[in-house]
Amino acid sequence: MNSKGALETEIRTVMRRRGMAYQTEDSYVGWYKRFVKFHGMRHPRELGKAGVESFLNHLAVNLEVAPGTQNQAFSALLFLYREVLKLDFEGINARRAKERKKLPVVLSRDEVRRAFEHTRRGTPHLMLCLLYGCGLRVSEGLRLRVKDVDFSNTCI
């Protein structure tokens, strides 16, 4: 299994035996190819942990990928080394991508007031009152059933 094509085939074979999703298979093979290309087409067996660490650091520092992207690359390489190459793969000290904080979008008081003015009665008004008053997500409000409401204790 010295050729790169043979290793790609082996990755796909192992993933299919485990019943992994086709999208995951494509993603993991893509990360394997980027990893090998980054290291000048050297075999992953030659690169080891140091090669993985330098690749993950490159993703985080130079390419500034999202943390989820870096974690996906790490998972793909972890699978490659542990499951395909059957090598020990512990203690990776790579610089992790910084978690970006996402601020929630919050309606202003005026926007909330206007929303209530547009739904003066009926089901839309009831739903809006429940969502706003109970802090429910839209999907939670849509799945709400009568048996979810405790009328005696006035709670949902």
Protein backbone atom coordinates (compact mmCIF):
# COMPACT_ATOMS: atom_id res chain seq x y z
CA MET A 1 0.00 0.00 0.00
CA ASN A 2 2.72 2.48 -0.94
CA SER A 3 0.82 4.50 -3.54
CA LYS A 4 -1.40 7.39 -2.47
CA GLY A 5 -4.36 5.98 -4.45
CA ALA A 6 -4.19 2.73 -2.51
CA LEU A 7 -4.35 4.58 0.81
CA GLU A 8 -7.35 6.60 -0.35
CA THR A 9 -9.06 3.36 -1.37
CA GLU A 10 -8.24 1.85 2.03
CA ILE A 11 -9.74 4.88 3.82
CA ARG A 12 -12.94 4.56 1.80
CA THR A 13 -13.09 0.79 2.37
CA VAL A 14 -12.73 1.10 6.15
CA MET A 15 -15.36 3.84 6.28
CA ARG A 16 -17.81 1.85 4.18
CA ARG A 17 -17.33 -1.24 6.34
CA ARG A 18 -18.29 0.88 9.34
CA GLY A 19 -21.35 2.25 7.56
CA MET A 20 -20.20 5.87 7.73
CA ALA A 21 -22.02 8.50 5.66
CA TYR A 22 -20.82 9.15 2.13
CA GLN A 23 -20.41 12.88 2.90
CA THR A 24 -18.17 12.01 5.83
CA GLU A 25 -16.17 9.71 3.57
CA ASP A 26 -15.67 12.45 0.99
CA SER A 27 -14.79 14.97 3.67
CA TYR A 28 -12.23 12.71 5.36
CA VAL A 29 -10.61 11.79 2.03
CA GLY A 30 -10.46 15.49 1.19
CA TRP A 31 -8.66 16.24 4.45
CA TYR A 32 -6.27 13.33 3.85
CA LYS A 33 -5.42 14.76 0.40
CA ARG A 34 -4.90 18.30 1.75
CA PHE A 35 -2.71 16.91 4.54
CA VAL A 36 -0.50 14.95 2.11
CA LYS A 37 -0.33 17.88 -0.33
CA PHE A 38 0.65 20.26 2.50
CA HIS A 39 3.59 17.96 3.32
CA GLY A 40 4.86 17.66 -0.25
CA MET A 41 3.11 14.36 -1.10
CA ARG A 42 4.84 12.41 1.67
CA HIS A 43 3.12 9.33 3.09
CA PRO A 44 1.29 9.94 6.40
CA ARG A 45 3.31 7.14 8.04
CA GLU A 46 6.46 9.25 7.57
CA LEU A 47 4.84 12.37 9.03
CA GLY A 48 3.39 11.13 12.32
CA LYS A 49 2.23 13.42 15.11
CA ALA A 50 4.59 16.25 14.22
CA GLY A 51 3.15 16.38 10.71
CA VAL A 52 -0.40 16.46 12.03
CA GLU A 53 0.45 19.20 14.52
CA SER A 54 2.09 21.37 11.85
CA PHE A 55 -0.90 20.90 9.52
CA LEU A 56 -3.45 21.77 12.21
CA ASN A 57 -1.37 24.79 13.25
CA HIS A 58 -1.25 25.89 9.62
CA LEU A 59 -5.05 25.68 9.44
CA ALA A 60 -5.52 27.70 12.63
CA VAL A 61 -2.79 30.30 12.22
CA ASN A 62 -2.28 30.84 8.49
CA LEU A 63 -5.68 29.96 7.08
CA GLU A 64 -7.64 31.09 10.17
CA VAL A 65 -10.25 28.37 9.68
CA ALA A 66 -13.26 28.08 11.95
CA PRO A 67 -12.86 25.84 15.01
CA GLY A 68 -15.34 23.35 13.57
CA THR A 69 -13.30 23.09 10.37
CA GLN A 70 -10.11 22.42 12.29
CA ASN A 71 -11.88 19.84 14.44
CA GLN A 72 -13.15 18.10 11.33
CA ALA A 73 -9.63 17.97 9.90
CA PHE A 74 -8.35 16.60 13.21
CA SER A 75 -11.08 13.93 13.27
CA ALA A 76 -10.25 12.89 9.71
CA LEU A 77 -6.56 12.55 10.50
CA LEU A 78 -7.29 10.78 13.76
CA PHE A 79 -9.39 8.26 11.82
CA LEU A 80 -6.62 7.85 9.25
CA TYR A 81 -3.94 7.10 11.81
CA ARG A 82 -5.96 5.02 14.27
CA GLU A 83 -8.33 3.08 12.05
CA VAL A 84 -6.57 2.84 8.69
CA LEU A 85 -2.85 2.90 9.49
CA LYS A 86 -3.36 1.28 12.94
CA LEU A 87 -0.90 3.64 14.64
CA ASP A 88 -1.02 5.10 18.16
CA PHE A 89 -2.21 8.67 17.96
CA GLU A 90 -2.25 10.30 21.39
CA GLY A 91 -0.99 13.61 22.70
CA ILE A 92 -1.35 16.01 19.79
CA ASN A 93 -0.33 19.51 20.87
CA ALA A 94 -1.70 21.63 18.07
CA ARG A 95 -2.79 25.22 18.40
CA ARG A 96 -6.58 25.22 18.26
CA ALA A 97 -8.62 27.65 16.21
CA LYS A 98 -10.22 30.32 18.37
CA GLU A 99 -13.91 29.93 19.06
CA ARG A 100 -15.74 32.87 17.58
CA LYS A 101 -18.40 34.29 19.84
CA LYS A 102 -21.71 34.85 18.12
CA LEU A 103 -23.93 37.49 19.60
CA PRO A 104 -27.61 36.65 19.53
CA VAL A 105 -29.92 38.81 17.47
CA VAL A 106 -32.29 40.54 19.87
CA LEU A 107 -35.36 42.53 18.88
CA SER A 108 -35.68 46.05 20.21
CA ARG A 109 -38.73 46.99 22.32
CA ASP A 110 -40.18 48.86 19.37
CA GLU A 111 -39.79 45.83 17.09
CA VAL A 112 -41.51 43.60 19.66
CA ARG A 113 -44.33 46.12 20.02
CA ARG A 114 -44.83 46.24 16.24
CA ALA A 115 -44.90 42.42 16.03
CA PHE A 116 -47.67 42.31 18.65
CA GLU A 117 -49.60 45.03 16.80
CA HIS A 118 -49.62 42.94 13.61
CA THR A 119 -51.08 39.92 15.41
CA ARG A 120 -53.97 41.25 17.50
CA ARG A 121 -55.89 37.98 17.86
CA GLY A 122 -56.08 34.31 16.97
CA THR A 123 -53.45 31.62 16.73
CA PRO A 124 -50.60 33.87 15.53
CA HIS A 125 -51.13 36.18 18.53
CA LEU A 126 -51.26 33.24 20.96
CA MET A 127 -48.08 31.77 19.44
CA LEU A 128 -46.28 35.10 19.63
CA CYS A 129 -47.31 35.56 23.27
CA LEU A 130 -46.07 32.07 24.14
CA LEU A 131 -42.80 32.48 22.28
CA TYR A 132 -42.08 35.89 23.76
CA GLY A 133 -43.45 35.31 27.26
CA CYS A 134 -41.94 31.86 27.79
CA GLY A 135 -38.73 32.37 25.87
CA LEU A 136 -39.51 29.53 23.49
CA ARG A 137 -37.85 28.95 20.16
CA VAL A 138 -40.15 28.92 17.12
CA SER A 139 -39.66 25.16 16.69
CA GLU A 140 -40.54 24.60 20.36
CA GLY A 141 -43.69 26.68 20.01
CA LEU A 142 -44.75 24.78 16.90
CA ARG A 143 -44.30 21.42 18.66
CA LEU A 144 -46.16 22.51 21.77
CA ARG A 145 -49.14 20.31 22.67
CA VAL A 146 -52.02 20.87 25.07
CA LYS A 147 -50.67 18.20 27.40
CA ASP A 148 -47.43 20.24 27.69
CA VAL A 149 -49.32 23.03 29.44
CA ASP A 150 -49.86 22.70 33.21
CA PHE A 151 -52.88 24.96 33.79
CA SER A 152 -53.03 24.36 37.54
CA ASN A 153 -49.45 25.58 38.05
CA THR A 154 -49.58 28.00 35.10
CA CYS A 155 -46.42 26.69 33.47
CA ILE A 156 -45.31 24.93 30.31
